[in-house]
Amino acid sequence: MRENRNQRRTGTDYERAAGFYLEQEGWKIMEYNYRTRNGEIDIVARDGEYLVFCEVKYRSDGKKGSPLEAVDARKQQRIRRAALYYLTEHGKSDVPCRFDVIGIEGTKITHIRDAF
């Protein structure tokens, strides 16, 4: 149980680091860790006219593969369902949206826009 708590704390720290990175790029963070019973979105943000649903993945090194590879088709589907719920709940059906992935490996940040 303690390891899960530490992993969650680590995940939160890197999500905040990714949010800071996005803010430096001129984005507005709307929400962290938006949760539904269908899934979770790490960061919901505004990039100009776009509402962006952003998944953040961290790896300390490449031993377990790239953090970007961890966002597989099943994870993408969960994020899509959670995003649809977010749009419905917030009455934002007419806003252009996209899905981005931020991979953090060590201290290197890789941002993939319109990842899926």
N, C-alpha and C. Protein backbone atom coordinates (compact mmCIF):
# COMPACT_ATOMS: atom_id res chain seq x y z
N MET A 1 0.83 -1.20 0.00
CA MET A 1 0.00 0.00 0.00
C MET A 1 0.87 1.25 0.00
N ARG A 2 1.95 1.23 0.76
CA ARG A 2 2.82 2.40 0.84
C ARG A 2 3.45 2.73 -0.50
N GLU A 3 3.83 1.69 -1.26
CA GLU A 3 4.42 1.91 -2.58
C GLU A 3 3.43 2.61 -3.51
N ASN A 4 2.16 2.23 -3.46
CA ASN A 4 1.13 2.90 -4.27
C ASN A 4 1.02 4.37 -3.92
N ARG A 5 1.06 4.69 -2.63
CA ARG A 5 0.98 6.07 -2.19
C ARG A 5 2.18 6.87 -2.71
N ASN A 6 3.35 6.27 -2.64
CA ASN A 6 4.55 6.94 -3.15
C ASN A 6 4.49 7.12 -4.66
N GLN A 7 3.99 6.12 -5.38
CA GLN A 7 3.84 6.24 -6.83
C GLN A 7 2.85 7.34 -7.17
N ARG A 8 1.76 7.42 -6.43
CA ARG A 8 0.75 8.46 -6.67
C ARG A 8 1.35 9.85 -6.42
N ARG A 9 2.11 9.97 -5.35
CA ARG A 9 2.76 11.25 -5.04
C ARG A 9 3.75 11.61 -6.15
N THR A 10 4.53 10.65 -6.61
CA THR A 10 5.48 10.89 -7.70
C THR A 10 4.73 11.31 -8.95
N GLY A 11 3.63 10.61 -9.26
CA GLY A 11 2.83 10.97 -10.42
C GLY A 11 2.29 12.38 -10.33
N THR A 12 1.80 12.76 -9.17
CA THR A 12 1.29 14.11 -8.95
C THR A 12 2.39 15.15 -9.13
N ASP A 13 3.57 14.86 -8.61
CA ASP A 13 4.69 15.79 -8.75
C ASP A 13 5.02 16.03 -10.22
N TYR A 14 5.03 14.97 -11.01
CA TYR A 14 5.38 15.13 -12.43
C TYR A 14 4.23 15.73 -13.24
N GLU A 15 3.01 15.49 -12.83
CA GLU A 15 1.88 16.16 -13.48
C GLU A 15 1.97 17.67 -13.25
N ARG A 16 2.33 18.06 -12.03
CA ARG A 16 2.50 19.50 -11.73
C ARG A 16 3.67 20.08 -12.52
N ALA A 17 4.74 19.32 -12.66
CA ALA A 17 5.89 19.78 -13.46
C ALA A 17 5.47 19.97 -14.92
N ALA A 18 4.67 19.04 -15.43
CA ALA A 18 4.18 19.16 -16.81
C ALA A 18 3.26 20.38 -16.93
N GLY A 19 2.43 20.61 -15.92
CA GLY A 19 1.55 21.77 -15.91
C GLY A 19 2.35 23.07 -15.92
N PHE A 20 3.42 23.11 -15.14
CA PHE A 20 4.29 24.29 -15.11
C PHE A 20 4.91 24.51 -16.50
N TYR A 21 5.36 23.43 -17.11
CA TYR A 21 5.93 23.50 -18.47
C TYR A 21 4.90 24.09 -19.44
N LEU A 22 3.66 23.61 -19.37
CA LEU A 22 2.61 24.11 -20.27
C LEU A 22 2.31 25.58 -20.00
N GLU A 23 2.28 25.96 -18.74
CA GLU A 23 2.05 27.37 -18.41
C GLU A 23 3.15 28.26 -18.98
N GLN A 24 4.37 27.77 -18.96
CA GLN A 24 5.49 28.52 -19.54
C GLN A 24 5.32 28.68 -21.06
N GLU A 25 4.58 27.76 -21.66
CA GLU A 25 4.28 27.82 -23.09
C GLU A 25 3.06 28.69 -23.39
N GLY A 26 2.47 29.27 -22.34
CA GLY A 26 1.34 30.16 -22.51
C GLY A 26 -0.03 29.51 -22.35
N TRP A 27 -0.05 28.27 -21.90
CA TRP A 27 -1.31 27.56 -21.70
C TRP A 27 -1.95 27.97 -20.38
N LYS A 28 -3.26 27.73 -20.28
CA LYS A 28 -3.99 27.95 -19.03
C LYS A 28 -4.45 26.58 -18.53
N ILE A 29 -4.00 26.20 -17.35
CA ILE A 29 -4.42 24.93 -16.76
C ILE A 29 -5.82 25.12 -16.18
N MET A 30 -6.73 24.29 -16.64
CA MET A 30 -8.11 24.34 -16.16
C MET A 30 -8.30 23.42 -14.94
N GLU A 31 -7.66 22.25 -15.01
CA GLU A 31 -7.90 21.26 -13.96
C GLU A 31 -6.82 20.18 -14.00
N TYR A 32 -6.46 19.69 -12.82
CA TYR A 32 -5.59 18.53 -12.69
C TYR A 32 -6.43 17.35 -12.24
N ASN A 33 -6.08 16.17 -12.70
CA ASN A 33 -6.69 14.91 -12.25
C ASN A 33 -8.21 14.92 -12.28
N TYR A 34 -8.76 15.21 -13.43
CA TYR A 34 -10.21 15.12 -13.60
C TYR A 34 -10.58 13.64 -13.64
N ARG A 35 -11.45 13.24 -12.73
CA ARG A 35 -11.80 11.81 -12.60
C ARG A 35 -13.28 11.57 -12.85
N THR A 36 -13.53 10.49 -13.55
CA THR A 36 -14.89 9.97 -13.70
C THR A 36 -14.80 8.47 -13.41
N ARG A 37 -15.94 7.81 -13.40
CA ARG A 37 -15.87 6.36 -13.20
C ARG A 37 -15.30 5.68 -14.44
N ASN A 38 -15.26 6.39 -15.57
CA ASN A 38 -14.73 5.83 -16.81
C ASN A 38 -13.23 6.02 -16.99
N GLY A 39 -12.64 6.91 -16.21
CA GLY A 39 -11.22 7.16 -16.38
C GLY A 39 -10.80 8.48 -15.77
N GLU A 40 -9.56 8.83 -16.02
CA GLU A 40 -8.98 10.04 -15.45
C GLU A 40 -8.20 10.78 -16.53
N ILE A 41 -8.20 12.10 -16.43
CA ILE A 41 -7.39 12.94 -17.31
C ILE A 41 -6.42 13.70 -16.40
N ASP A 42 -5.14 13.57 -16.70
CA ASP A 42 -4.13 14.19 -15.85
C ASP A 42 -4.22 15.71 -15.84
N ILE A 43 -4.32 16.30 -17.04
CA ILE A 43 -4.40 17.76 -17.14
C ILE A 43 -5.42 18.14 -18.20
N VAL A 44 -6.32 19.06 -17.83
CA VAL A 44 -7.21 19.69 -18.80
C VAL A 44 -6.74 21.13 -18.90
N ALA A 45 -6.45 21.58 -20.12
CA ALA A 45 -5.85 22.91 -20.29
C ALA A 45 -6.38 23.58 -21.55
N ARG A 46 -6.13 24.88 -21.63
CA ARG A 46 -6.46 25.68 -22.81
C ARG A 46 -5.16 26.03 -23.52
N ASP A 47 -5.12 25.74 -24.80
CA ASP A 47 -4.02 26.15 -25.67
C ASP A 47 -4.66 26.94 -26.80
N GLY A 48 -4.71 28.26 -26.62
CA GLY A 48 -5.41 29.09 -27.61
C GLY A 48 -6.88 28.74 -27.63
N GLU A 49 -7.38 28.39 -28.80
CA GLU A 49 -8.79 28.04 -28.93
C GLU A 49 -9.08 26.60 -28.52
N TYR A 50 -8.04 25.79 -28.36
CA TYR A 50 -8.22 24.36 -28.08
C TYR A 50 -8.35 24.05 -26.60
N LEU A 51 -9.25 23.13 -26.30
CA LEU A 51 -9.31 22.50 -24.99
C LEU A 51 -8.50 21.22 -25.15
N VAL A 52 -7.46 21.08 -24.34
CA VAL A 52 -6.54 19.96 -24.51
C VAL A 52 -6.63 19.03 -23.31
N PHE A 53 -6.78 17.76 -23.61
CA PHE A 53 -6.78 16.71 -22.59
C PHE A 53 -5.39 16.07 -22.67
N CYS A 54 -4.65 16.18 -21.58
CA CYS A 54 -3.23 15.84 -21.60
C CYS A 54 -2.94 14.68 -20.65
N GLU A 55 -2.31 13.65 -21.17
CA GLU A 55 -1.86 12.52 -20.36
C GLU A 55 -0.37 12.71 -20.09
N VAL A 56 0.03 12.53 -18.83
CA VAL A 56 1.41 12.69 -18.43
C VAL A 56 1.94 11.33 -17.98
N LYS A 57 3.09 10.94 -18.53
CA LYS A 57 3.74 9.69 -18.13
C LYS A 57 5.18 9.97 -17.78
N TYR A 58 5.64 9.37 -16.69
CA TYR A 58 7.00 9.55 -16.21
C TYR A 58 7.72 8.22 -16.12
N ARG A 59 8.99 8.23 -16.50
CA ARG A 59 9.88 7.10 -16.27
C ARG A 59 11.21 7.69 -15.80
N SER A 60 11.81 7.08 -14.79
CA SER A 60 13.09 7.59 -14.30
C SER A 60 14.20 7.32 -15.30
N ASP A 61 14.04 6.24 -16.08
CA ASP A 61 15.02 5.91 -17.12
C ASP A 61 14.32 5.04 -18.17
N GLY A 62 15.04 4.57 -19.16
CA GLY A 62 14.45 3.81 -20.25
C GLY A 62 14.30 2.33 -19.99
N LYS A 63 14.56 1.86 -18.78
CA LYS A 63 14.52 0.43 -18.49
C LYS A 63 13.14 -0.19 -18.70
N LYS A 64 12.09 0.57 -18.43
CA LYS A 64 10.73 0.06 -18.60
C LYS A 64 10.10 0.57 -19.89
N GLY A 65 10.93 1.07 -20.81
CA GLY A 65 10.43 1.60 -22.06
C GLY A 65 10.15 3.09 -21.98
N SER A 66 9.81 3.64 -23.11
CA SER A 66 9.52 5.08 -23.19
C SER A 66 8.23 5.40 -22.46
N PRO A 67 8.17 6.53 -21.79
CA PRO A 67 6.91 6.91 -21.14
C PRO A 67 5.79 7.11 -22.17
N LEU A 68 6.17 7.52 -23.38
CA LEU A 68 5.15 7.74 -24.42
C LEU A 68 4.51 6.43 -24.87
N GLU A 69 5.26 5.34 -24.84
CA GLU A 69 4.74 4.03 -25.23
C GLU A 69 3.69 3.51 -24.26
N ALA A 70 3.67 4.05 -23.05
CA ALA A 70 2.74 3.59 -22.02
C ALA A 70 1.30 4.02 -22.29
N VAL A 71 1.10 4.94 -23.22
CA VAL A 71 -0.25 5.40 -23.53
C VAL A 71 -0.76 4.56 -24.71
N ASP A 72 -1.18 3.35 -24.38
CA ASP A 72 -1.63 2.40 -25.41
C ASP A 72 -3.08 2.66 -25.81
N ALA A 73 -3.58 1.85 -26.73
CA ALA A 73 -4.94 2.05 -27.26
C ALA A 73 -6.00 1.97 -26.16
N ARG A 74 -5.82 1.08 -25.21
CA ARG A 74 -6.79 0.95 -24.11
C ARG A 74 -6.81 2.21 -23.25
N LYS A 75 -5.62 2.75 -22.94
CA LYS A 75 -5.52 3.98 -22.15
C LYS A 75 -6.13 5.15 -22.92
N GLN A 76 -5.86 5.22 -24.22
CA GLN A 76 -6.42 6.27 -25.06
C GLN A 76 -7.95 6.25 -25.03
N GLN A 77 -8.52 5.06 -25.10
CA GLN A 77 -9.98 4.93 -25.07
C GLN A 77 -10.55 5.42 -23.75
N ARG A 78 -9.89 5.11 -22.64
CA ARG A 78 -10.35 5.59 -21.33
C ARG A 78 -10.31 7.12 -21.27
N ILE A 79 -9.24 7.69 -21.80
CA ILE A 79 -9.09 9.16 -21.80
C ILE A 79 -10.18 9.78 -22.67
N ARG A 80 -10.46 9.19 -23.82
CA ARG A 80 -11.52 9.71 -24.70
C ARG A 80 -12.87 9.71 -23.99
N ARG A 81 -13.18 8.62 -23.30
CA ARG A 81 -14.47 8.54 -22.59
C ARG A 81 -14.54 9.58 -21.48
N ALA A 82 -13.46 9.75 -20.73
CA ALA A 82 -13.43 10.75 -19.66
C ALA A 82 -13.57 12.15 -20.26
N ALA A 83 -12.93 12.40 -21.41
CA ALA A 83 -13.02 13.71 -22.06
C ALA A 83 -14.44 14.00 -22.52
N LEU A 84 -15.11 13.00 -23.06
CA LEU A 84 -16.50 13.18 -23.48
C LEU A 84 -17.37 13.54 -22.28
N TYR A 85 -17.14 12.88 -21.17
CA TYR A 85 -17.88 13.19 -19.95
C TYR A 85 -17.58 14.62 -19.51
N TYR A 86 -16.30 15.03 -19.56
CA TYR A 86 -15.90 16.39 -19.18
C TYR A 86 -16.64 17.41 -20.05
N LEU A 87 -16.63 17.19 -21.35
CA LEU A 87 -17.28 18.13 -22.27
C LEU A 87 -18.77 18.24 -21.99
N THR A 88 -19.40 17.12 -21.72
CA THR A 88 -20.83 17.11 -21.42
C THR A 88 -21.11 17.82 -20.09
N GLU A 89 -20.34 17.48 -19.07
CA GLU A 89 -20.52 18.05 -17.73
C GLU A 89 -20.31 19.57 -17.73
N HIS A 90 -19.39 20.06 -18.55
CA HIS A 90 -19.06 21.48 -18.58
C HIS A 90 -19.73 22.24 -19.72
N GLY A 91 -20.61 21.58 -20.47
CA GLY A 91 -21.35 22.24 -21.55
C GLY A 91 -20.44 22.82 -22.63
N LYS A 92 -19.42 22.06 -23.01
CA LYS A 92 -18.44 22.56 -23.97
C LYS A 92 -18.45 21.75 -25.26
N SER A 93 -19.61 21.44 -25.78
CA SER A 93 -19.69 20.59 -26.97
C SER A 93 -19.22 21.29 -28.24
N ASP A 94 -19.11 22.63 -28.22
CA ASP A 94 -18.72 23.35 -29.43
C ASP A 94 -17.27 23.83 -29.42
N VAL A 95 -16.45 23.33 -28.50
CA VAL A 95 -15.06 23.75 -28.37
C VAL A 95 -14.16 22.76 -29.11
N PRO A 96 -13.21 23.25 -29.92
CA PRO A 96 -12.28 22.32 -30.55
C PRO A 96 -11.37 21.69 -29.50
N CYS A 97 -11.15 20.40 -29.63
CA CYS A 97 -10.39 19.64 -28.63
C CYS A 97 -9.27 18.85 -29.29
N ARG A 98 -8.30 18.49 -28.46
CA ARG A 98 -7.28 17.55 -28.92
C ARG A 98 -6.71 16.81 -27.71
N PHE A 99 -5.98 15.76 -28.01
CA PHE A 99 -5.37 14.92 -26.98
C PHE A 99 -3.86 14.97 -27.15
N ASP A 100 -3.16 15.41 -26.10
CA ASP A 100 -1.71 15.49 -26.11
C ASP A 100 -1.15 14.51 -25.08
N VAL A 101 0.11 14.14 -25.28
CA VAL A 101 0.81 13.29 -24.31
C VAL A 101 2.13 13.97 -23.98
N ILE A 102 2.42 14.02 -22.69
CA ILE A 102 3.71 14.52 -22.24
C ILE A 102 4.43 13.36 -21.57
N GLY A 103 5.60 13.05 -22.12
CA GLY A 103 6.46 12.02 -21.54
C GLY A 103 7.63 12.69 -20.84
N ILE A 104 7.86 12.27 -19.61
CA ILE A 104 9.00 12.79 -18.85
C ILE A 104 9.90 11.60 -18.54
N GLU A 105 11.13 11.67 -19.04
CA GLU A 105 12.10 10.61 -18.77
C GLU A 105 13.30 11.26 -18.11
N GLY A 106 13.47 10.97 -16.82
CA GLY A 106 14.49 11.67 -16.05
C GLY A 106 14.07 13.13 -15.95
N THR A 107 14.85 14.02 -16.57
CA THR A 107 14.50 15.45 -16.56
C THR A 107 14.09 15.94 -17.95
N LYS A 108 14.05 15.05 -18.93
CA LYS A 108 13.71 15.43 -20.30
C LYS A 108 12.19 15.35 -20.53
N ILE A 109 11.62 16.44 -21.03
CA ILE A 109 10.19 16.49 -21.32
C ILE A 109 9.98 16.42 -22.83
N THR A 110 9.13 15.48 -23.25
CA THR A 110 8.74 15.36 -24.65
C THR A 110 7.23 15.59 -24.73
N HIS A 111 6.83 16.52 -25.54
CA HIS A 111 5.41 16.88 -25.67
C HIS A 111 4.95 16.52 -27.07
N ILE A 112 3.98 15.62 -27.15
CA ILE A 112 3.40 15.22 -28.44
C ILE A 112 2.02 15.84 -28.54
N ARG A 113 1.87 16.81 -29.44
CA ARG A 113 0.57 17.44 -29.67
C ARG A 113 -0.27 16.56 -30.59
N ASP A 114 -1.57 16.56 -30.33
CA ASP A 114 -2.50 15.78 -31.15
C ASP A 114 -2.01 14.34 -31.28
N ALA A 115 -1.69 13.74 -30.15
CA ALA A 115 -1.07 12.41 -30.10
C ALA A 115 -2.01 11.29 -30.57
N PHE A 116 -3.31 11.47 -30.34
CA PHE A 116 -4.28 10.45 -30.79
C PHE A 116 -5.64 11.07 -30.95
